[in-house]
Amino acid sequence: MSVVDSFRERRVLITGGLGFIGSNLAIRLAESGAHVTLLDSLIPQFGGNFANVEPIKKDVTINISDMRDADSLEILVRNQDFIFNLAGQVSHGDSMRDPKLDLGVNCISTMNLVEACRKFNPSVRMLYASTRQVYGKPRTLPVTEDHVPAPIDVNGINKLAAEYYHLLYDGAYGVRSTVLRMTNTYGPRQRISSSRLGVAGFFIFRALRGETIQLFGGGRQVRDFNYIDDVVEAMLLAISRDACMGRFFNLGFSPAHSLCEFVELLSQHCKFQVEVVPFPAGAGSIDIGDYYGDSSRFEKAVGWKPRVDLPEGLARTIAFYRQHLETYGLCPNPS
């Protein structure tokens, strides 16, 4: 039996449910027969989009509200079996430009959520979507969960704090939670028109439009990339297994690829130019250099292994966006 089958007829709340990862997770769950509620603030720059859930819009409940308002959560968390906490601000640069917004969206919202669960639904299971950014600049590679956290931007600090709110409430109050520290996730339904939401998506956007891709600092930085279907599978496994509760885990992919290699793979599908440029002012100071994570702890806990490598994942992603050019702000490839 597939792990998603165990969610049939179960009640699931997804925060950030109209965003990239949330919508893909929602589609998988709704198609399996789960009763899915999507919570999203639709803050413009965060990537929420009604079009993302078009295939299931009649099968889910959508609530537009802001988790910084604690009162909005009291009713929403009641009677839920599972809560996937995917809402948040993910831009590292924006977190430095507007640290109070990042604090509110990543920390205050999470505190409101775990408090609401403690009061109104302490038996729920939760998953928090965190980030590799909590580690800062890696001291050793691949990065394991034993690496000391050393965030180098506001976003990393606030995401780390949000992790510990979940884990604290698990240990102190029995509100079961697990944390996944994710790396570069890419695939269909990502808001790719803005560099704020990830380099992979923005490179795909410029490639599809035939625009020049700029590689900062030579593009030799090494990253690992997870295709969205593999991430959704990881989330379903993590939240449903007792072995994951009260713990945090890395997601990742081997082999890792440099940004130059990523762009080279893109060039097999699209025609565009590449320009090597210096880091913009201020950007180099929050670049973490090379990063790729060790996900063996999670693999041992639940048997998960990513199945979609970068060449296949990019092919699937390009095909999706070519079928939905207008929806995601793309013009036809000039080739």
Protein backbone atom coordinates (compact mmCIF):
# COMPACT_ATOMS: atom_id res chain seq x y z
CA MET A 1 0.00 0.00 0.00
CA SER A 2 1.29 3.46 -0.90
CA VAL A 3 1.87 5.82 2.03
CA VAL A 4 -0.70 8.26 0.64
CA ASP A 5 -3.42 5.61 0.92
CA SER A 6 -3.22 5.90 4.71
CA PHE A 7 -4.54 9.48 4.46
CA ARG A 8 -7.85 8.45 2.89
CA GLU A 9 -10.77 10.03 4.79
CA ARG A 10 -8.33 11.77 7.16
CA ARG A 11 -8.55 15.50 7.84
CA VAL A 12 -5.50 17.48 6.70
CA LEU A 13 -4.63 21.17 7.04
CA ILE A 14 -1.86 22.60 4.83
CA THR A 15 -0.59 26.07 5.68
CA GLY A 16 0.80 27.83 2.63
CA GLY A 17 -1.49 25.51 0.72
CA LEU A 18 -1.75 27.64 -2.43
CA GLY A 19 2.02 27.82 -2.81
CA PHE A 20 4.43 25.61 -4.70
CA ILE A 21 4.98 22.72 -2.30
CA GLY A 22 1.63 23.06 -0.56
CA SER A 23 -0.38 22.79 -3.78
CA ASN A 24 1.50 19.72 -5.01
CA LEU A 25 0.98 18.07 -1.62
CA ALA A 26 -2.70 19.05 -1.67
CA ILE A 27 -3.26 17.50 -5.09
CA ARG A 28 -1.67 14.25 -4.00
CA LEU A 29 -3.76 14.10 -0.82
CA ALA A 30 -7.06 15.18 -2.36
CA GLU A 31 -6.73 12.63 -5.13
CA SER A 32 -6.18 9.97 -2.46
CA GLY A 33 -9.47 10.80 -0.73
CA ALA A 34 -8.23 12.97 2.14
CA HIS A 35 -10.33 15.90 3.41
CA VAL A 36 -7.97 18.80 2.71
CA THR A 37 -8.13 22.39 3.97
CA LEU A 38 -5.71 24.92 2.51
CA LEU A 39 -4.72 27.98 4.52
CA ASP A 40 -2.92 30.79 2.71
CA SER A 41 -2.43 34.50 3.30
CA LEU A 42 -1.85 35.20 -0.41
CA ILE A 43 0.84 37.75 0.41
CA PRO A 44 1.78 38.67 -3.18
CA GLN A 45 5.52 37.97 -3.13
CA PHE A 46 5.22 34.57 -1.42
CA GLY A 47 3.98 32.54 -4.39
CA GLY A 48 0.42 31.55 -3.50
CA ASN A 49 -1.75 31.11 -6.60
CA PHE A 50 -5.30 29.77 -7.03
CA ALA A 51 -4.23 28.32 -10.37
CA ASN A 52 -1.96 25.91 -8.53
CA VAL A 53 -4.94 23.96 -7.20
CA GLU A 54 -7.15 24.22 -10.29
CA PRO A 55 -7.29 20.39 -10.70
CA ILE A 56 -8.77 19.96 -7.20
CA LYS A 57 -10.52 23.26 -6.51
CA LYS A 58 -13.88 21.53 -6.01
CA ASP A 59 -12.39 18.92 -3.68
CA VAL A 60 -10.66 21.14 -1.09
CA THR A 61 -11.61 23.87 1.35
CA ILE A 62 -9.65 27.12 0.97
CA ASN A 63 -9.27 29.61 3.80
CA ILE A 64 -7.57 32.95 3.12
CA SER A 65 -6.18 34.29 6.38
CA ASP A 66 -2.91 35.30 7.99
CA MET A 67 -1.32 33.07 10.62
CA ARG A 68 0.06 36.13 12.40
CA ASP A 69 -3.54 36.53 13.58
CA ALA A 70 -3.84 33.87 16.28
CA ASP A 71 -7.63 33.98 16.31
CA SER A 72 -7.78 32.71 12.72
CA LEU A 73 -6.19 29.42 13.75
CA GLU A 74 -8.40 28.34 16.62
CA ILE A 75 -11.18 26.91 14.46
CA LEU A 76 -8.92 25.76 11.64
CA VAL A 77 -6.82 23.40 13.77
CA ARG A 78 -9.76 21.71 15.49
CA ASN A 79 -10.43 18.10 14.44
CA GLN A 80 -7.47 17.97 12.03
CA ASP A 81 -5.55 14.69 11.98
CA PHE A 82 -2.47 16.16 10.29
CA ILE A 83 -1.09 19.66 9.80
CA PHE A 84 1.65 20.39 7.27
CA ASN A 85 3.12 23.75 8.23
CA LEU A 86 4.55 24.95 4.92
CA ALA A 87 3.69 28.66 5.15
CA GLY A 88 6.57 31.06 5.43
CA GLN A 89 8.89 33.64 3.95
CA VAL A 90 11.72 31.90 2.08
CA SER A 91 13.72 34.73 0.50
CA HIS A 92 17.08 35.19 2.15
CA GLY A 93 17.58 38.64 0.66
CA ASP A 94 14.11 39.82 1.62
CA SER A 95 14.69 38.64 5.18
CA MET A 96 17.63 41.02 5.43
CA ARG A 97 15.70 43.91 3.88
CA ASP A 98 12.59 43.41 6.03
CA PRO A 99 13.56 41.37 9.11
CA LYS A 100 10.36 42.17 11.01
CA LEU A 101 8.21 40.69 8.23
CA ASP A 102 10.33 37.55 8.28
CA LEU A 103 10.05 37.34 12.06
CA GLY A 104 6.28 37.65 11.90
CA VAL A 105 5.70 35.22 9.06
CA ASN A 106 8.16 32.54 10.18
CA CYS A 107 8.22 32.80 13.98
CA ILE A 108 5.07 34.50 15.26
CA SER A 109 2.93 32.48 12.86
CA THR A 110 4.52 29.23 13.97
CA MET A 111 4.12 30.10 17.64
CA ASN A 112 0.47 30.88 17.03
CA LEU A 113 0.01 27.54 15.29
CA VAL A 114 1.61 25.33 17.93
CA GLU A 115 -0.21 27.21 20.70
CA ALA A 116 -3.54 26.74 18.94
CA CYS A 117 -2.81 23.03 18.62
CA ARG A 118 -1.83 22.77 22.29
CA LYS A 119 -5.11 24.35 23.32
CA PHE A 120 -7.56 22.95 20.79
CA ASN A 121 -6.04 19.83 19.17
CA PRO A 122 -3.12 18.36 21.13
CA SER A 123 -3.44 14.96 19.45
CA VAL A 124 -2.69 16.30 15.96
CA ARG A 125 0.49 15.36 14.06
CA MET A 126 2.48 18.19 12.48
CA LEU A 127 5.31 18.59 10.00
CA TYR A 128 7.37 21.75 9.66
CA ALA A 129 9.11 22.60 6.39
CA SER A 130 12.48 24.10 7.31
CA THR A 131 15.57 24.88 5.25
CA ARG A 132 19.21 23.99 4.80
CA GLN A 133 19.87 27.70 5.50
CA VAL A 134 19.85 27.00 9.25
CA TYR A 135 23.34 25.49 8.86
CA GLY A 136 24.91 28.60 7.32
CA LYS A 137 28.17 28.04 5.48
CA PRO A 138 29.03 24.34 5.67
CA ARG A 139 32.14 23.39 7.59
CA THR A 140 32.12 19.88 6.16
CA LEU A 141 30.37 18.20 3.23
CA PRO A 142 28.00 16.50 2.95
CA VAL A 143 26.15 18.27 5.75
CA THR A 144 24.65 15.95 8.36
CA GLU A 145 22.18 16.77 11.11
CA ASP A 146 25.14 16.88 13.52
CA HIS A 147 26.46 20.03 11.84
CA VAL A 148 26.15 22.95 14.25
CA PRO A 149 23.52 25.47 13.08
CA ALA A 150 25.08 28.84 12.24
CA PRO A 151 22.60 30.89 10.18
CA ILE A 152 24.06 33.77 8.18
CA ASP A 153 20.82 35.61 7.47
CA VAL A 154 17.60 36.56 9.25
CA ASN A 155 15.63 33.88 7.42
CA GLY A 156 17.91 31.12 8.69
CA ILE A 157 17.61 32.38 12.28
CA ASN A 158 13.83 32.56 12.17
CA LYS A 159 13.42 29.19 10.46
CA LEU A 160 15.64 27.61 13.12
CA ALA A 161 13.57 29.21 15.88
CA ALA A 162 10.38 27.93 14.24
CA GLU A 163 11.85 24.42 14.18
CA TYR A 164 12.42 24.57 17.90
CA TYR A 165 8.89 25.79 18.62
CA HIS A 166 7.62 22.62 16.97
CA LEU A 167 10.12 20.38 18.74
CA LEU A 168 9.59 22.10 22.09
CA TYR A 169 5.83 21.59 21.96
CA ASP A 170 6.41 17.97 20.98
CA GLY A 171 8.61 17.35 24.01
CA ALA A 172 6.82 19.55 26.55
CA TYR A 173 3.17 19.07 25.59
CA GLY A 174 3.05 15.98 23.40
CA VAL A 175 1.93 17.90 20.29
CA ARG A 176 3.68 15.58 17.88
CA SER A 177 5.91 17.24 15.29
CA THR A 178 8.70 16.46 12.87
CA VAL A 179 10.96 18.81 10.91
CA LEU A 180 12.38 18.44 7.41
CA ARG A 181 15.31 20.65 6.45
CA MET A 182 14.91 21.03 2.73
CA THR A 183 17.36 21.98 0.04
CA ASN A 184 16.58 23.34 -3.47
CA THR A 185 13.12 22.05 -4.36
CA TYR A 186 11.98 22.55 -7.95
CA GLY A 187 9.20 21.43 -10.26
CA PRO A 188 5.68 22.31 -11.46
CA ARG A 189 3.62 25.06 -9.78
CA GLN A 190 6.60 26.96 -8.45
CA ARG A 191 6.49 30.73 -8.84
CA ILE A 192 9.47 30.93 -11.15
CA SER A 193 9.24 34.57 -12.25
CA SER A 194 11.09 35.88 -9.18
CA SER A 195 14.61 35.15 -8.04
CA ARG A 196 13.36 35.64 -4.47
CA LEU A 197 11.87 32.14 -4.40
CA GLY A 198 14.88 30.13 -5.50
CA VAL A 199 17.62 30.04 -8.08
CA ALA A 200 16.40 26.84 -9.76
CA GLY A 201 12.97 28.23 -10.61
CA PHE A 202 14.31 31.58 -11.77
CA PHE A 203 16.84 29.93 -14.06
CA ILE A 204 14.02 27.84 -15.54
CA PHE A 205 11.93 30.99 -16.06
CA ARG A 206 14.68 32.82 -17.92
CA ALA A 207 15.53 29.73 -19.98
CA LEU A 208 11.91 29.31 -21.10
CA ARG A 209 11.81 32.97 -22.16
CA GLY A 210 15.12 32.72 -23.98
CA GLU A 211 16.66 35.34 -21.69
CA THR A 212 20.25 35.54 -20.51
CA ILE A 213 21.02 33.61 -17.33
CA GLN A 214 23.50 35.30 -15.03
CA LEU A 215 25.83 33.12 -12.98
CA PHE A 216 27.13 34.93 -9.92
CA GLY A 217 30.75 34.34 -9.04
CA GLY A 218 31.33 31.90 -11.88
CA GLY A 219 28.48 29.50 -11.10
CA ARG A 220 30.76 26.92 -9.54
CA GLN A 221 28.68 26.72 -6.35
CA VAL A 222 27.53 23.14 -5.77
CA ARG A 223 23.95 22.42 -4.74
CA ASP A 224 21.64 19.42 -4.37
CA PHE A 225 18.21 19.56 -5.98
CA ASN A 226 15.04 17.68 -4.99
CA TYR A 227 12.17 17.25 -7.44
CA ILE A 228 8.79 18.16 -5.96
CA ASP A 229 7.30 14.65 -6.19
CA ASP A 230 10.14 13.28 -4.05
CA VAL A 231 9.62 16.04 -1.47
CA VAL A 232 5.88 15.35 -1.25
CA GLU A 233 6.62 11.65 -0.70
CA ALA A 234 9.10 12.54 2.04
CA MET A 235 6.54 14.70 3.82
CA LEU A 236 3.86 12.03 3.75
CA LEU A 237 6.28 9.48 5.16
CA ALA A 238 7.66 11.80 7.84
CA ILE A 239 4.34 12.90 9.29
CA SER A 240 2.91 9.36 9.36
CA ARG A 241 5.82 7.56 11.08
CA ASP A 242 6.36 7.51 14.83
CA ALA A 243 10.11 7.26 14.26
CA CYS A 244 10.13 10.84 12.94
CA MET A 245 8.26 12.54 15.75
CA GLY A 246 10.31 14.96 17.86
CA ARG A 247 13.21 14.84 15.37
CA PHE A 248 14.62 16.84 12.47
CA PHE A 249 16.00 15.47 9.23
CA ASN A 250 17.81 16.62 6.12
CA LEU A 251 16.48 16.09 2.65
CA GLY A 252 18.97 16.05 -0.21
CA PHE A 253 20.06 14.41 -3.41
CA SER A 254 23.23 12.72 -4.61
CA PRO A 255 25.00 13.51 -6.83
CA ALA A 256 25.02 17.26 -6.33
CA HIS A 257 25.50 19.63 -9.25
CA SER A 258 27.16 22.99 -9.75
CA LEU A 259 25.01 25.85 -11.00
CA CYS A 260 26.98 25.66 -14.23
CA GLU A 261 25.94 22.03 -14.62
CA PHE A 262 22.33 22.95 -13.85
CA VAL A 263 22.38 25.55 -16.61
CA GLU A 264 24.02 23.10 -19.02
CA LEU A 265 21.18 20.64 -18.44
CA LEU A 266 18.66 23.42 -19.05
CA SER A 267 20.34 24.21 -22.36
CA GLN A 268 19.29 20.78 -23.63
CA HIS A 269 15.66 22.02 -23.57
CA CYS A 270 15.87 25.79 -24.21
CA LYS A 271 18.01 28.28 -26.10
CA PHE A 272 19.50 31.11 -24.05
CA GLN A 273 22.74 32.93 -23.33
CA VAL A 274 24.86 32.67 -20.16
CA GLU A 275 26.72 35.55 -18.55
CA VAL A 276 29.19 35.22 -15.67
CA VAL A 277 28.95 38.24 -13.35
CA PRO A 278 30.18 39.24 -9.88
CA PHE A 279 27.85 38.91 -6.91
CA PRO A 280 25.59 41.97 -6.51
CA ALA A 281 26.38 44.22 -3.58
CA GLY A 282 25.39 42.49 -0.35
CA ALA A 283 24.50 39.15 -1.94
CA GLY A 284 27.89 37.52 -1.54
CA SER A 285 27.82 37.96 2.22
CA ILE A 286 24.79 35.67 2.59
CA ASP A 287 25.83 33.12 -0.02
CA ILE A 288 26.60 29.82 1.70
CA GLY A 289 29.04 28.55 -0.93
CA ASP A 290 28.87 24.83 -1.69
CA TYR A 291 26.10 22.85 -0.02
CA TYR A 292 24.82 19.33 -0.30
CA GLY A 293 23.13 17.44 2.47
CA ASP A 294 23.32 13.92 3.83
CA SER A 295 19.80 12.48 4.04
CA SER A 296 20.84 9.03 5.25
CA ARG A 297 19.28 9.54 8.70
CA PHE A 298 15.89 10.12 7.11
CA GLU A 299 16.38 7.28 4.65
CA LYS A 300 17.07 4.90 7.55
CA ALA A 301 14.05 6.15 9.51
CA VAL A 302 11.43 5.77 6.78
CA GLY A 303 13.03 4.08 3.76
CA TRP A 304 12.81 7.22 1.60
CA LYS A 305 15.07 7.73 -1.38
CA PRO A 306 14.64 10.43 -4.03
CA ARG A 307 13.73 8.83 -7.36
CA VAL A 308 13.83 11.70 -9.85
CA ASP A 309 17.30 12.87 -10.86
CA LEU A 310 18.01 16.36 -12.13
CA PRO A 311 17.91 15.61 -15.89
CA GLU A 312 14.51 13.89 -15.60
CA GLY A 313 13.15 16.46 -13.18
CA LEU A 314 14.09 19.36 -15.42
CA ALA A 315 12.51 17.64 -18.43
CA ARG A 316 9.23 17.18 -16.50
CA THR A 317 9.32 20.75 -15.22
CA ILE A 318 9.97 22.33 -18.62
CA ALA A 319 7.16 20.25 -20.14
CA PHE A 320 4.72 21.44 -17.44
CA TYR A 321 5.45 25.12 -17.90
CA ARG A 322 5.24 24.87 -21.67
CA GLN A 323 1.71 23.56 -21.22
CA HIS A 324 0.82 26.46 -18.87
CA LEU A 325 2.62 29.43 -20.38
CA GLU A 326 -0.03 32.07 -19.71
CA THR A 327 -0.84 30.86 -16.20
CA TYR A 328 2.74 31.32 -15.01
CA GLY A 329 3.61 34.50 -16.88
CA LEU A 330 5.68 32.93 -19.64
CA CYS A 331 5.91 33.74 -23.30
CA PRO A 332 6.56 31.01 -25.88
CA ASN A 333 10.16 29.92 -26.27
CA PRO A 334 11.54 31.97 -29.18
CA SER A 335 13.19 28.86 -30.60
